[in-house]
Amino acid sequence: MDKRKVLIHGADTRGQKLVKRINSIFDIVGFIERDPGIRNAAGSEYACYRDISEFMRDTDGEGGIDFILSIVEDFNGLQREYMNKGIPFHKILDLRHVHQYEKHILHQCLANEIHRRNVPGSVAELGVDFGDTAKYINLYFPDRTCYLFDTFRGFDKRDIDPTQARTSELLEYYDVRSTAGDVLDKMFYPEKCVVKEGYFPESLDGLEDRFAFVHIDCDLYKPITAGLEYFYPRLNYGGL
């Protein structure tokens, strides 16, 4: 699959750092930057446009871009501006205020390395919850099968140990749950996603695959241990 074409809105230090994190994940077309000083300092490796209108004039439309990645503070204002100019809602992504920002920086770096090294294999998340991390794993690996493991019914009683720290707090927090359909509706490439609903590891249902990237986030000792025991031997060399 060809890499998705992206524009980055913001060419300051944060924008330059983002380039280094995603330059193997996406085909970076250039920057949008209103500040002339920053624009002049951005260098010539990538085109730098004053605004989206200039980009659209120079490229006869949207230039075939798949996404605009924003690192500006006023994302809501930027989103409204772009939509008023005819850019579809789903193409404008906020990479400055994503759920657990620091974790997504880490995931961008890891995905970048996996693509750069051509590590083969599928990707997975064990403990999907509302899908706020899974949708970015799906975005960063658009050509990979993405397995989504969750009970979608909260914690299974077989995994609950009242002696484990924070158990009662976790049970209360996860009283509100999502469905598999809710999660799939968030995915950028749902056709690449395979939902594995149920108790892990029973939900594997004989699955034998190799993996390049796995995120384990299920909070309790037993499913975390089961995840490590299953996935670690199935990571391809260079997988994470």
Protein backbone atom coordinates (compact mmCIF):
# COMPACT_ATOMS: atom_id res chain seq x y z
CA MET A 1 0.00 0.00 0.00
CA ASP A 2 1.28 3.47 -0.88
CA LYS A 3 1.98 5.72 2.07
CA ARG A 4 -0.77 8.23 2.85
CA LYS A 5 -0.02 11.81 1.81
CA VAL A 6 -0.17 14.36 4.63
CA LEU A 7 0.22 18.09 5.17
CA ILE A 8 1.41 19.30 8.55
CA HIS A 9 -0.17 22.50 9.86
CA GLY A 10 2.60 24.15 11.84
CA ALA A 11 6.28 24.32 10.87
CA ASP A 12 7.71 25.34 14.24
CA THR A 13 9.82 23.08 16.45
CA ARG A 14 6.89 20.78 17.18
CA GLY A 15 6.15 20.39 13.47
CA GLN A 16 9.80 19.63 12.68
CA LYS A 17 9.88 17.02 15.44
CA LEU A 18 6.68 15.46 14.14
CA VAL A 19 8.30 15.03 10.73
CA LYS A 20 11.07 12.93 12.27
CA ARG A 21 8.51 10.77 14.08
CA ILE A 22 6.35 10.03 11.04
CA ASN A 23 8.55 10.34 7.95
CA SER A 24 8.47 6.59 7.36
CA ILE A 25 4.78 6.28 8.19
CA PHE A 26 3.42 8.97 5.85
CA ASP A 27 4.39 10.73 2.62
CA ILE A 28 4.86 14.31 3.88
CA VAL A 29 3.81 16.78 1.19
CA GLY A 30 4.74 19.94 3.10
CA PHE A 31 3.76 22.42 5.80
CA ILE A 32 1.14 25.07 6.32
CA GLU A 33 2.66 27.96 8.29
CA ARG A 34 1.31 31.48 8.66
CA ASP A 35 4.28 32.98 10.48
CA PRO A 36 6.77 34.21 7.80
CA GLY A 37 9.69 33.96 10.21
CA ILE A 38 8.99 30.32 10.95
CA ARG A 39 8.27 29.68 7.28
CA ASN A 40 11.67 31.06 6.25
CA ALA A 41 13.45 29.09 8.96
CA ALA A 42 11.75 25.80 8.06
CA GLY A 43 14.27 25.00 5.33
CA SER A 44 13.68 23.79 1.81
CA GLU A 45 13.31 20.03 2.28
CA TYR A 46 9.53 20.37 2.30
CA ALA A 47 7.28 22.95 0.65
CA CYS A 48 5.89 25.51 3.08
CA TYR A 49 2.59 27.24 2.24
CA ARG A 50 1.10 30.33 3.86
CA ASP A 51 -2.35 28.77 4.14
CA ILE A 52 -4.49 25.98 2.78
CA SER A 53 -5.81 28.21 0.00
CA GLU A 54 -2.28 28.69 -1.37
CA PHE A 55 -1.69 24.95 -1.24
CA MET A 56 -4.95 24.26 -3.06
CA ARG A 57 -4.08 26.84 -5.76
CA ASP A 58 -0.63 25.37 -6.28
CA THR A 59 -1.86 21.78 -6.42
CA ASP A 60 -5.10 22.29 -8.35
CA GLY A 61 -7.38 21.24 -5.50
CA GLU A 62 -6.37 19.20 -2.47
CA GLY A 63 -3.27 17.79 -4.11
CA GLY A 64 -4.34 14.22 -3.38
CA ILE A 65 -3.63 14.59 0.33
CA ASP A 66 -5.21 12.07 2.66
CA PHE A 67 -4.84 13.99 5.94
CA ILE A 68 -3.90 17.36 7.41
CA LEU A 69 -2.04 16.84 10.69
CA SER A 70 -2.39 19.76 13.08
CA ILE A 71 -0.01 20.60 15.93
CA VAL A 72 -1.56 24.01 16.73
CA GLU A 73 -3.26 24.91 20.01
CA ASP A 74 -6.58 26.10 18.55
CA PHE A 75 -7.49 22.93 16.73
CA ASN A 76 -11.25 23.53 16.87
CA GLY A 77 -10.85 26.91 15.18
CA LEU A 78 -8.55 25.43 12.56
CA GLN A 79 -10.97 22.61 11.90
CA ARG A 80 -13.84 25.04 11.32
CA GLU A 81 -11.68 27.10 8.96
CA TYR A 82 -10.69 24.07 6.89
CA MET A 83 -14.23 22.73 6.70
CA ASN A 84 -15.43 26.14 5.50
CA LYS A 85 -12.89 25.79 2.68
CA GLY A 86 -14.30 22.42 1.69
CA ILE A 87 -11.82 20.10 3.43
CA PRO A 88 -13.76 17.05 4.73
CA PHE A 89 -13.96 16.60 8.50
CA HIS A 90 -12.27 13.18 8.48
CA LYS A 91 -9.12 14.57 6.80
CA ILE A 92 -8.27 17.02 9.63
CA LEU A 93 -6.47 15.29 12.50
CA ASP A 94 -5.37 16.76 15.80
CA LEU A 95 -1.96 15.35 16.75
CA ARG A 96 -1.39 17.94 19.46
CA HIS A 97 -4.25 17.05 21.81
CA VAL A 98 -4.76 13.36 21.13
CA HIS A 99 -5.73 11.03 23.96
CA GLN A 100 -2.61 10.59 26.14
CA TYR A 101 -0.36 12.74 23.96
CA GLU A 102 2.98 11.40 25.20
CA LYS A 103 1.93 7.81 24.49
CA HIS A 104 1.08 8.74 20.92
CA ILE A 105 4.49 10.36 20.46
CA LEU A 106 5.99 7.04 21.55
CA HIS A 107 3.73 5.09 19.19
CA GLN A 108 4.66 7.38 16.29
CA CYS A 109 8.35 6.77 16.95
CA LEU A 110 7.87 3.00 17.23
CA ALA A 111 5.72 2.80 14.10
CA ASN A 112 8.28 4.90 12.25
CA GLU A 113 11.05 2.44 13.16
CA ILE A 114 8.96 -0.59 12.22
CA HIS A 115 8.21 0.89 8.79
CA ARG A 116 11.80 2.06 8.32
CA ARG A 117 13.13 -1.42 9.09
CA ASN A 118 10.40 -3.14 7.04
CA VAL A 119 9.44 -5.37 9.96
CA PRO A 120 6.66 -7.66 8.71
CA GLY A 121 3.61 -8.73 10.67
CA SER A 122 0.19 -7.72 11.92
CA VAL A 123 -0.55 -5.30 14.76
CA ALA A 124 -2.79 -5.72 17.78
CA GLU A 125 -4.16 -4.14 20.91
CA LEU A 126 -5.16 -6.21 23.92
CA GLY A 127 -7.50 -4.07 26.04
CA VAL A 128 -9.19 -1.79 23.50
CA ASP A 129 -11.69 -0.04 25.81
CA PHE A 130 -13.15 2.90 23.78
CA GLY A 131 -10.65 2.54 20.92
CA ASP A 132 -8.89 5.88 21.49
CA THR A 133 -5.47 4.26 21.14
CA ALA A 134 -6.45 1.54 18.68
CA LYS A 135 -7.60 4.06 16.08
CA TYR A 136 -4.11 5.58 15.94
CA ILE A 137 -2.46 2.16 15.74
CA ASN A 138 -4.79 1.57 12.79
CA LEU A 139 -3.79 4.95 11.32
CA TYR A 140 -0.04 4.37 11.68
CA PHE A 141 -0.26 0.86 10.19
CA PRO A 142 -2.89 1.24 7.44
CA ASP A 143 -1.69 -1.75 5.44
CA ARG A 144 -1.57 -4.20 8.37
CA THR A 145 -4.25 -6.43 9.84
CA CYS A 146 -5.17 -4.85 13.18
CA TYR A 147 -6.52 -7.26 15.80
CA LEU A 148 -8.70 -5.70 18.51
CA PHE A 149 -8.96 -7.83 21.65
CA ASP A 150 -11.46 -6.94 24.36
CA THR A 151 -14.33 -8.50 26.29
CA PHE A 152 -16.45 -5.39 25.56
CA ARG A 153 -18.16 -6.31 28.82
CA GLY A 154 -15.65 -4.92 31.29
CA PHE A 155 -13.37 -7.03 33.45
CA ASP A 156 -14.00 -10.75 33.54
CA LYS A 157 -14.58 -12.07 37.06
CA ARG A 158 -11.90 -14.72 36.46
CA ASP A 159 -9.28 -11.94 36.33
CA ILE A 160 -10.42 -9.91 39.34
CA ASP A 161 -8.17 -10.21 42.38
CA PRO A 162 -9.41 -8.05 45.29
CA THR A 163 -5.89 -8.04 46.74
CA GLN A 164 -4.50 -6.27 43.68
CA ALA A 165 -3.93 -2.55 44.21
CA ARG A 166 -6.60 -0.22 42.77
CA THR A 167 -8.98 -3.08 41.87
CA SER A 168 -12.10 -1.37 43.28
CA GLU A 169 -11.09 1.91 41.62
CA LEU A 170 -10.66 0.18 38.26
CA LEU A 171 -14.00 -1.62 38.52
CA GLU A 172 -15.77 1.67 39.18
CA TYR A 173 -13.94 3.49 36.37
CA TYR A 174 -14.77 0.84 33.77
CA ASP A 175 -18.44 0.64 34.69
CA VAL A 176 -19.13 2.55 31.43
CA ARG A 177 -18.13 0.43 28.43
CA SER A 178 -18.09 0.56 24.65
CA THR A 179 -19.23 -1.99 22.08
CA ALA A 180 -17.24 -3.48 19.24
CA GLY A 181 -19.39 -1.47 16.83
CA ASP A 182 -18.60 1.77 18.67
CA VAL A 183 -14.88 1.05 18.34
CA LEU A 184 -15.02 0.12 14.66
CA ASP A 185 -16.83 3.37 13.93
CA LYS A 186 -13.70 5.21 15.15
CA MET A 187 -11.20 3.34 13.02
CA PHE A 188 -9.55 5.08 10.08
CA TYR A 189 -9.34 1.81 8.13
CA PRO A 190 -12.00 -0.47 9.64
CA GLU A 191 -11.65 -2.92 6.76
CA LYS A 192 -8.20 -3.81 8.16
CA CYS A 193 -9.55 -4.48 11.67
CA VAL A 194 -10.44 -7.88 13.10
CA VAL A 195 -12.44 -7.77 16.33
CA LYS A 196 -11.61 -10.58 18.76
CA GLU A 197 -14.35 -10.21 21.34
CA GLY A 198 -14.38 -12.25 24.53
CA TYR A 199 -12.17 -13.47 27.33
CA PHE A 200 -8.47 -13.56 26.49
CA PRO A 201 -6.87 -16.00 25.67
CA GLU A 202 -10.07 -17.89 24.77
CA SER A 203 -10.86 -15.17 22.23
CA LEU A 204 -7.78 -16.16 20.21
CA ASP A 205 -9.88 -19.04 18.87
CA GLY A 206 -6.86 -20.74 17.37
CA LEU A 207 -5.33 -17.57 15.91
CA GLU A 208 -1.78 -18.08 14.73
CA ASP A 209 -0.22 -14.95 13.26
CA ARG A 210 3.04 -13.04 13.48
CA PHE A 211 3.21 -9.49 14.77
CA ALA A 212 5.21 -6.30 14.28
CA PHE A 213 3.55 -4.21 16.99
CA VAL A 214 1.40 -5.09 20.01
CA HIS A 215 -0.03 -2.76 22.65
CA ILE A 216 -1.15 -4.44 25.89
CA ASP A 217 -3.36 -2.28 28.10
CA CYS A 218 -5.75 -4.33 30.21
CA ASP A 219 -4.85 -3.14 33.75
CA LEU A 220 -5.10 -6.51 35.51
CA TYR A 221 -2.31 -9.00 36.15
CA LYS A 222 -3.80 -12.15 34.61
CA PRO A 223 -4.70 -10.82 31.13
CA ILE A 224 -1.45 -8.83 30.93
CA THR A 225 0.52 -12.00 31.71
CA ALA A 226 -1.53 -14.04 29.24
CA GLY A 227 -0.90 -11.37 26.59
CA LEU A 228 2.84 -11.40 27.13
CA GLU A 229 2.94 -15.20 27.01
CA TYR A 230 1.03 -15.29 23.72
CA PHE A 231 2.37 -12.29 21.81
CA TYR A 232 6.05 -12.14 22.75
CA PRO A 233 7.03 -15.45 21.05
CA ARG A 234 5.08 -14.33 17.98
CA LEU A 235 6.82 -10.99 17.48
CA ASN A 236 8.87 -10.87 14.31
CA TYR A 237 12.48 -9.80 14.61
CA GLY A 238 12.48 -6.05 15.23
CA GLY A 239 8.88 -6.07 16.40
CA LEU A 240 7.85 -4.13 19.46
